[in-house]
PDB file of N, CA and C in Angstrom:
ATOM      1  N   MET A   1      22.338-121.383  32.194  1.00  0.00           N
ATOM      2  CA  MET A   1      21.940-120.005  31.902  1.00  0.00           C
ATOM      3  C   MET A   1      23.191-119.152  31.814  1.00  0.00           C
ATOM      4  N   PRO A   2      23.306-118.342  30.775  1.00  0.00           N
ATOM      5  CA  PRO A   2      24.483-117.495  30.634  1.00  0.00           C
ATOM      6  C   PRO A   2      24.593-116.487  31.777  1.00  0.00           C
ATOM      7  N   ASP A   3      25.803-116.083  31.987  1.00  0.00           N
ATOM      8  CA  ASP A   3      26.090-115.054  32.976  1.00  0.00           C
ATOM      9  C   ASP A   3      25.284-113.797  32.630  1.00  0.00           C
ATOM     10  N   PRO A   4      24.658-113.158  33.616  1.00  0.00           N
ATOM     11  CA  PRO A   4      23.888-111.931  33.332  1.00  0.00           C
ATOM     12  C   PRO A   4      24.731-110.859  32.637  1.00  0.00           C
ATOM     13  N   LYS A   5      26.013-110.806  32.960  1.00  0.00           N
ATOM     14  CA  LYS A   5      26.891-109.824  32.320  1.00  0.00           C
ATOM     15  C   LYS A   5      26.999-110.101  30.818  1.00  0.00           C
ATOM     16  N   THR A   6      27.072-111.390  30.450  1.00  0.00           N
ATOM     17  CA  THR A   6      27.137-111.759  29.032  1.00  0.00           C
ATOM     18  C   THR A   6      25.870-111.313  28.313  1.00  0.00           C
ATOM     19  N   GLU A   7      24.728-111.553  28.930  1.00  0.00           N
ATOM     20  CA  GLU A   7      23.464-111.135  28.313  1.00  0.00           C
ATOM     21  C   GLU A   7      23.399-109.622  28.165  1.00  0.00           C
ATOM     22  N   GLU A   8      23.875-108.913  29.178  1.00  0.00           N
ATOM     23  CA  GLU A   8      23.883-107.446  29.128  1.00  0.00           C
ATOM     24  C   GLU A   8      24.781-106.956  27.994  1.00  0.00           C
ATOM     25  N   LEU A   9      25.934-107.581  27.852  1.00  0.00           N
ATOM     26  CA  LEU A   9      26.852-107.200  26.774  1.00  0.00           C
ATOM     27  C   LEU A   9      26.237-107.482  25.408  1.00  0.00           C
ATOM     28  N   GLN A  10      25.525-108.594  25.291  1.00  0.00           N
ATOM     29  CA  GLN A  10      24.856-108.912  24.025  1.00  0.00           C
ATOM     30  C   GLN A  10      23.842-107.825  23.668  1.00  0.00           C
ATOM     31  N   LEU A  11      23.052-107.429  24.636  1.00  0.00           N
ATOM     32  CA  LEU A  11      22.052-106.390  24.387  1.00  0.00           C
ATOM     33  C   LEU A  11      22.710-105.073  23.987  1.00  0.00           C
ATOM     34  N   ASP A  12      23.817-104.757  24.637  1.00  0.00           N
ATOM     35  CA  ASP A  12      24.560-103.537  24.289  1.00  0.00           C
ATOM     36  C   ASP A  12      25.023-103.583  22.836  1.00  0.00           C
ATOM     37  N   GLU A  13      25.544-104.729  22.422  1.00  0.00           N
ATOM     38  CA  GLU A  13      26.039-104.860  21.053  1.00  0.00           C
ATOM     39  C   GLU A  13      24.907-104.769  20.035  1.00  0.00           C
ATOM     40  N   VAL A  14      23.750-105.320  20.353  1.00  0.00           N
ATOM     41  CA  VAL A  14      22.592-105.216  19.458  1.00  0.00           C
ATOM     42  C   VAL A  14      22.220-103.746  19.274  1.00  0.00           C
ATOM     43  N   GLN A  15      22.148-103.017  20.380  1.00  0.00           N
ATOM     44  CA  GLN A  15      21.793-101.596  20.310  1.00  0.00           C
ATOM     45  C   GLN A  15      22.824-100.805  19.508  1.00  0.00           C
ATOM     46  N   ARG A  16      24.092-101.079  19.751  1.00  0.00           N
ATOM     47  CA  ARG A  16      25.151-100.365  19.025  1.00  0.00           C
ATOM     48  C   ARG A  16      25.108-100.680  17.535  1.00  0.00           C
ATOM     49  N   GLU A  17      24.876-101.958  17.209  1.00  0.00           N
ATOM     50  CA  GLU A  17      24.788-102.339  15.804  1.00  0.00           C
ATOM     51  C   GLU A  17      23.634-101.612  15.118  1.00  0.00           C
ATOM     52  N   LEU A  18      22.466-101.616  15.752  1.00  0.00           N
ATOM     53  CA  LEU A  18      21.302-100.946  15.164  1.00  0.00           C
ATOM     54  C   LEU A  18      21.545 -99.449  14.990  1.00  0.00           C
ATOM     55  N   THR A  19      22.180 -98.835  15.975  1.00  0.00           N
ATOM     56  CA  THR A  19      22.488 -97.405  15.888  1.00  0.00           C
ATOM     57  C   THR A  19      23.401 -97.124  14.703  1.00  0.00           C
ATOM     58  N   GLU A  20      24.442 -97.933  14.563  1.00  0.00           N
ATOM     59  CA  GLU A  20      25.382 -97.728  13.454  1.00  0.00           C
ATOM     60  C   GLU A  20      24.717 -97.971  12.103  1.00  0.00           C
ATOM     61  N   ARG A  21      23.837 -98.959  12.025  1.00  0.00           N
ATOM     62  CA  ARG A  21      23.145 -99.220  10.749  1.00  0.00           C
ATOM     63  C   ARG A  21      22.240 -98.036  10.383  1.00  0.00           C
ATOM     64  N   ARG A  22      21.565 -97.478  11.384  1.00  0.00           N
ATOM     65  CA  ARG A  22      20.734 -96.290  11.116  1.00  0.00           C
ATOM     66  C   ARG A  22      21.589 -95.118  10.660  1.00  0.00           C
ATOM     67  N   GLN A  23      22.713 -94.929  11.319  1.00  0.00           N
ATOM     68  CA  GLN A  23      23.597 -93.825  10.947  1.00  0.00           C
ATOM     69  C   GLN A  23      24.178 -94.035   9.552  1.00  0.00           C
ATOM     70  N   ALA A  24      24.426 -95.278   9.184  1.00  0.00           N
ATOM     71  CA  ALA A  24      24.914 -95.562   7.827  1.00  0.00           C
ATOM     72  C   ALA A  24      23.847 -95.181   6.793  1.00  0.00           C
ATOM     73  N   GLN A  25      22.587 -95.485   7.101  1.00  0.00           N
ATOM     74  CA  GLN A  25      21.501 -95.140   6.176  1.00  0.00           C
ATOM     75  C   GLN A  25      21.335 -93.632   6.055  1.00  0.00           C
ATOM     76  N   ASP A  26      21.574 -92.918   7.149  1.00  0.00           N
ATOM     77  CA  ASP A  26      21.374 -91.473   7.166  1.00  0.00           C
ATOM     78  C   ASP A  26      22.599 -90.680   6.722  1.00  0.00           C
ATOM     79  N   ALA A  27      23.704 -91.362   6.519  1.00  0.00           N
ATOM     80  CA  ALA A  27      24.949 -90.672   6.170  1.00  0.00           C
ATOM     81  C   ALA A  27      24.819 -89.961   4.827  1.00  0.00           C
ATOM     82  N   GLU A  28      25.401 -88.790   4.769  1.00  0.00           N
ATOM     83  CA  GLU A  28      25.351 -88.015   3.529  1.00  0.00           C
ATOM     84  C   GLU A  28      26.551 -88.283   2.635  1.00  0.00           C
ATOM     85  N   LEU A  29      27.662 -88.655   3.231  1.00  0.00           N
ATOM     86  CA  LEU A  29      28.875 -88.921   2.461  1.00  0.00           C
ATOM     87  C   LEU A  29      29.156 -90.423   2.406  1.00  0.00           C
ATOM     88  N   PRO A  30      29.636 -90.902   1.262  1.00  0.00           N
ATOM     89  CA  PRO A  30      29.930 -92.335   1.140  1.00  0.00           C
ATOM     90  C   PRO A  30      30.931 -92.829   2.197  1.00  0.00           C
ATOM     91  N   GLY A  31      31.908 -92.014   2.535  1.00  0.00           N
ATOM     92  CA  GLY A  31      32.884 -92.398   3.544  1.00  0.00           C
ATOM     93  C   GLY A  31      32.258 -92.589   4.907  1.00  0.00           C
ATOM     94  N   GLU A  32      31.322 -91.719   5.237  1.00  0.00           N
ATOM     95  CA  GLU A  32      30.603 -91.844   6.509  1.00  0.00           C
ATOM     96  C   GLU A  32      29.771 -93.120   6.521  1.00  0.00           C
ATOM     97  N   GLU A  33      29.094 -93.363   5.423  1.00  0.00           N
ATOM     98  CA  GLU A  33      28.256 -94.558   5.320  1.00  0.00           C
ATOM     99  C   GLU A  33      29.100 -95.817   5.521  1.00  0.00           C
ATOM    100  N   LEU A  34      30.242 -95.866   4.860  1.00  0.00           N
ATOM    101  CA  LEU A  34      31.127 -97.017   4.965  1.00  0.00           C
ATOM    102  C   LEU A  34      31.651 -97.186   6.391  1.00  0.00           C
ATOM    103  N   ALA A  35      32.020 -96.102   7.033  1.00  0.00           N
ATOM    104  CA  ALA A  35      32.533 -96.165   8.406  1.00  0.00           C
ATOM    105  C   ALA A  35      31.469 -96.703   9.357  1.00  0.00           C
ATOM    106  N   HIS A  36      30.245 -96.230   9.213  1.00  0.00           N
ATOM    107  CA  HIS A  36      29.169 -96.703  10.082  1.00  0.00           C
ATOM    108  C   HIS A  36      28.836 -98.172   9.786  1.00  0.00           C
ATOM    109  N   ALA A  37      28.868 -98.546   8.529  1.00  0.00           N
ATOM    110  CA  ALA A  37      28.597 -99.940   8.159  1.00  0.00           C
ATOM    111  C   ALA A  37      29.660-100.863   8.750  1.00  0.00           C
ATOM    112  N   ARG A  38      30.912-100.433   8.707  1.00  0.00           N
ATOM    113  CA  ARG A  38      31.991-101.246   9.294  1.00  0.00           C
ATOM    114  C   ARG A  38      31.812-101.375  10.801  1.00  0.00           C
ATOM    115  N   ARG A  39      31.448-100.285  11.450  1.00  0.00           N
ATOM    116  CA  ARG A  39      31.219-100.340  12.897  1.00  0.00           C
ATOM    117  C   ARG A  39      30.048-101.276  13.213  1.00  0.00           C
ATOM    118  N   ALA A  40      29.008-101.213  12.410  1.00  0.00           N
ATOM    119  CA  ALA A  40      27.854-102.095  12.614  1.00  0.00           C
ATOM    120  C   ALA A  40      28.278-103.554  12.455  1.00  0.00           C
ATOM    121  N   ASP A  41      29.092-103.827  11.448  1.00  0.00           N
ATOM    122  CA  ASP A  41      29.582-105.191  11.244  1.00  0.00           C
ATOM    123  C   ASP A  41      30.421-105.656  12.432  1.00  0.00           C
ATOM    124  N   LYS A  42      31.217-104.769  12.979  1.00  0.00           N
ATOM    125  CA  LYS A  42      32.039-105.104  14.143  1.00  0.00           C
ATOM    126  C   LYS A  42      31.142-105.460  15.335  1.00  0.00           C
ATOM    127  N   HIS A  43      30.093-104.682  15.545  1.00  0.00           N
ATOM    128  CA  HIS A  43      29.180-104.966  16.655  1.00  0.00           C
ATOM    129  C   HIS A  43      28.429-106.276  16.419  1.00  0.00           C
ATOM    130  N   ALA A  44      28.091-106.582  15.180  1.00  0.00           N
ATOM    131  CA  ALA A  44      27.443-107.855  14.866  1.00  0.00           C
ATOM    132  C   ALA A  44      28.382-109.014  15.173  1.00  0.00           C
ATOM    133  N   TYR A  45      29.651-108.857  14.815  1.00  0.00           N
ATOM    134  CA  TYR A  45      30.648-109.883  15.096  1.00  0.00           C
ATOM    135  C   TYR A  45      30.786-110.090  16.604  1.00  0.00           C
ATOM    136  N   LEU A  46      30.883-109.006  17.354  1.00  0.00           N
ATOM    137  CA  LEU A  46      31.011-109.113  18.803  1.00  0.00           C
ATOM    138  C   LEU A  46      29.771-109.757  19.426  1.00  0.00           C
ATOM    139  N   ARG A  47      28.610-109.423  18.888  1.00  0.00           N
ATOM    140  CA  ARG A  47      27.361-110.030  19.374  1.00  0.00           C
ATOM    141  C   ARG A  47      27.389-111.541  19.142  1.00  0.00           C
ATOM    142  N   GLU A  48      27.864-111.970  17.976  1.00  0.00           N
ATOM    143  CA  GLU A  48      27.956-113.397  17.681  1.00  0.00           C
ATOM    144  C   GLU A  48      28.925-114.092  18.637  1.00  0.00           C
ATOM    145  N   LYS A  49      30.043-113.449  18.922  1.00  0.00           N
ATOM    146  CA  LYS A  49      31.015-114.024  19.858  1.00  0.00           C
ATOM    147  C   LYS A  49      30.427-114.131  21.264  1.00  0.00           C
ATOM    148  N   LEU A  50      29.651-113.144  21.652  1.00  0.00           N
ATOM    149  CA  LEU A  50      29.002-113.209  22.960  1.00  0.00           C
ATOM    150  C   LEU A  50      27.952-114.322  22.991  1.00  0.00           C
ATOM    151  N   ALA A  51      27.292-114.568  21.873  1.00  0.00           N
ATOM    152  CA  ALA A  51      26.330-115.669  21.803  1.00  0.00           C
ATOM    153  C   ALA A  51      27.051-117.006  21.965  1.00  0.00           C
ATOM    154  N   GLU A  52      28.227-117.126  21.361  1.00  0.00           N
ATOM    155  CA  GLU A  52      29.033-118.334  21.536  1.00  0.00           C
ATOM    156  C   GLU A  52      29.423-118.499  23.003  1.00  0.00           C
ATOM    157  N   ARG A  53      29.806-117.414  23.617  1.00  0.00           N
ATOM    158  CA  ARG A  53      30.175-117.436  25.031  1.00  0.00           C
ATOM    159  C   ARG A  53      28.985-117.880  25.892  1.00  0.00           C
ATOM    160  N   ALA A  54      27.802-117.377  25.573  1.00  0.00           N
ATOM    161  CA  ALA A  54      26.605-117.750  26.323  1.00  0.00           C
ATOM    162  C   ALA A  54      26.318-119.245  26.179  1.00  0.00           C
ATOM    163  N   ARG A  55      26.468-119.765  24.954  1.00  0.00           N
ATOM    164  CA  ARG A  55      26.251-121.200  24.739  1.00  0.00           C
ATOM    165  C   ARG A  55      27.268-122.012  25.537  1.00  0.00           C
ATOM    166  N   SER A  56      28.496-121.560  25.560  1.00  0.00           N
ATOM    167  CA  SER A  56      29.539-122.240  26.319  1.00  0.00           C
ATOM    168  C   SER A  56      29.218-122.228  27.810  1.00  0.00           C
ATOM    169  N   GLU A  57      28.760-121.089  28.299  1.00  0.00           N
ATOM    170  CA  GLU A  57      28.374-120.996  29.704  1.00  0.00           C
ATOM    171  C   GLU A  57      27.224-121.944  30.016  1.00  0.00           C
ATOM    172  N   ASP A  58      26.277-122.080  29.079  1.00  0.00           N
ATOM    173  CA  ASP A  58      25.163-123.015  29.257  1.00  0.00           C
ATOM    174  C   ASP A  58      25.666-124.457  29.339  1.00  0.00           C
ATOM    175  N   GLU A  59      26.609-124.788  28.458  1.00  0.00           N
ATOM    176  CA  GLU A  59      27.154-126.147  28.450  1.00  0.00           C
ATOM    177  C   GLU A  59      27.865-126.458  29.759  1.00  0.00           C
ATOM    178  N   VAL A  60      28.662-125.534  30.230  1.00  0.00           N
ATOM    179  CA  VAL A  60      29.386-125.731  31.485  1.00  0.00           C
ATOM    180  C   VAL A  60      28.412-125.888  32.650  1.00  0.00           C
ATOM    181  N   ALA A  61      27.377-125.075  32.663  1.00  0.00           N
ATOM    182  CA  ALA A  61      26.386-125.149  33.727  1.00  0.00           C
ATOM    183  C   ALA A  61      25.644-126.484  33.691  1.00  0.00           C
ATOM    184  N   SER A  62      25.268-126.946  32.522  1.00  0.00           N
ATOM    185  CA  SER A  62      24.529-128.209  32.433  1.00  0.00           C
ATOM    186  C   SER A  62      25.430-129.399  32.775  1.00  0.00           C
ATOM    187  N   GLU A  63      26.710-129.332  32.428  1.00  0.00           N
ATOM    188  CA  GLU A  63      27.653-130.400  32.791  1.00  0.00           C
ATOM    189  C   GLU A  63      27.870-130.457  34.297  1.00  0.00           C
ATOM    190  N   SER A  64      27.970-129.309  34.932  1.00  0.00           N
ATOM    191  CA  SER A  64      28.194-129.298  36.382  1.00  0.00           C
ATOM    192  C   SER A  64      26.932-129.720  37.144  1.00  0.00           C
ATOM    193  N   GLU A  65      25.761-129.488  36.577  1.00  0.00           N
ATOM    194  CA  GLU A  65      24.525-129.928  37.206  1.00  0.00           C
ATOM    195  C   GLU A  65      24.337-131.435  37.060  1.00  0.00           C
ATOM    196  N   GLY A  66      24.819-131.956  35.957  1.00  0.00           N
ATOM    197  CA  GLY A  66      24.619-133.373  35.665  1.00  0.00           C
ATOM    198  C   GLY A  66      25.636-134.298  36.299  1.00  0.00           C
ATOM    199  N   GLY A  67      26.708-133.740  36.805  1.00  0.00           N
ATOM    200  CA  GLY A  67      27.634-134.706  37.245  1.00  0.00           C
ATOM    201  C   GLY A  67      28.579-134.436  38.250  1.00  0.00           C
TER     202      GLY A  67
END
């Protein structure tokens, strides 16, 4: 099971990504839209990295339980 902190960080990144995507849709200027879209992409990337970290934590936990 991943560290609770990792799961909390993942949830934070999901919320931030969704917020930025909404702000990109609501942006009135193209520059604002692009800035929010880039921030959303950054949060998506961080969320993916945290998912990798969670999988790694799962692997370590299962290896230590098995042997």
